[in-house]
Amino acid sequence: MIDNSDIATLFTHPDCTYSGAKKAELDEEGVKYREVDLALHPDRWPDLEEFTGGERITPVFVGPASLEIGYHGAT
């Protein structure tokens, strides 16, 4: 479950090159986020699917006031 804190959540998967690109971009911009690696935490897939309408796509960035599905919103 995602909490309502001011820290964003980034759902990633190691097989997804866009996940690495999104992490690098956020790190470069100094954005604070909590990473959920779905390979390590497969029990969190349902959380991701709530945002994607059931699709298993990464990365998914959930910010306090924003949602980005795919890298730069490309799905």
Protein backbone atom coordinates (compact mmCIF):
# COMPACT_ATOMS: atom_id res chain seq x y z
CA MET A 1 0.00 0.00 0.00
CA ILE A 2 1.21 3.49 -0.83
CA ASP A 3 1.23 5.99 2.01
CA ASN A 4 0.32 9.65 1.57
CA SER A 5 3.71 11.08 2.56
CA ASP A 6 5.54 13.77 0.61
CA ILE A 7 8.08 11.23 -0.63
CA ALA A 8 7.35 9.78 -4.05
CA THR A 9 7.35 6.07 -4.86
CA LEU A 10 9.04 4.62 -7.92
CA PHE A 11 8.08 1.10 -8.98
CA THR A 12 10.94 -0.53 -10.92
CA HIS A 13 12.03 -3.88 -12.30
CA PRO A 14 15.64 -4.86 -13.10
CA ASP A 15 14.66 -6.22 -16.54
CA CYS A 16 13.33 -2.80 -17.54
CA THR A 17 16.00 -0.44 -18.90
CA TYR A 18 13.57 2.46 -18.56
CA SER A 19 13.46 1.86 -14.80
CA GLY A 20 17.20 2.55 -14.61
CA ALA A 21 16.83 5.63 -16.80
CA LYS A 22 14.05 7.02 -14.59
CA LYS A 23 16.08 6.39 -11.42
CA ALA A 24 19.10 8.16 -12.92
CA GLU A 25 16.93 11.10 -13.98
CA LEU A 26 15.35 11.47 -10.54
CA ASP A 27 18.74 11.17 -8.82
CA GLU A 28 20.21 13.82 -11.11
CA GLU A 29 17.29 16.15 -10.34
CA GLY A 30 17.63 15.53 -6.60
CA VAL A 31 14.11 14.11 -6.28
CA LYS A 32 13.55 12.09 -3.11
CA TYR A 33 11.75 8.83 -3.72
CA ARG A 34 11.24 5.39 -2.30
CA GLU A 35 12.06 2.60 -4.76
CA VAL A 36 9.96 -0.55 -4.92
CA ASP A 37 11.92 -3.16 -6.90
CA LEU A 38 9.21 -5.56 -7.99
CA ALA A 39 11.70 -8.40 -8.50
CA LEU A 40 12.53 -8.17 -4.80
CA HIS A 41 8.99 -7.35 -3.67
CA PRO A 42 6.60 -9.25 -5.98
CA ASP A 43 3.87 -8.85 -3.38
CA ARG A 44 3.72 -5.17 -4.42
CA TRP A 45 2.50 -5.87 -8.00
CA PRO A 46 -1.12 -5.26 -6.92
CA ASP A 47 -0.11 -1.78 -5.70
CA LEU A 48 1.38 -0.97 -9.11
CA GLU A 49 -1.62 -2.42 -10.92
CA GLU A 50 -3.93 -0.03 -9.04
CA PHE A 51 -2.22 2.83 -10.89
CA THR A 52 -1.88 1.15 -14.28
CA GLY A 53 -5.34 -0.34 -14.68
CA GLY A 54 -3.99 -3.85 -14.25
CA GLU A 55 -0.99 -3.53 -16.59
CA ARG A 56 2.41 -4.73 -15.41
CA ILE A 57 4.56 -1.89 -16.72
CA THR A 58 7.54 -0.15 -15.18
CA PRO A 59 8.66 2.37 -14.26
CA VAL A 60 5.70 3.90 -12.48
CA PHE A 61 6.35 7.13 -10.57
CA VAL A 62 3.80 8.08 -7.93
CA GLY A 63 4.42 11.56 -6.56
CA PRO A 64 2.45 13.52 -4.00
CA ALA A 65 0.61 15.32 -6.82
CA SER A 66 1.59 13.37 -9.93
CA LEU A 67 1.46 9.98 -11.60
CA GLU A 68 3.72 8.91 -14.46
CA ILE A 69 3.23 5.50 -16.03
CA GLY A 70 6.16 4.43 -18.18
CA TYR A 71 9.24 6.49 -18.90
CA HIS A 72 8.06 10.06 -19.46
CA GLY A 73 4.53 8.76 -19.59
CA ALA A 74 5.15 6.52 -22.61
CA THR A 75 3.24 3.29 -22.24
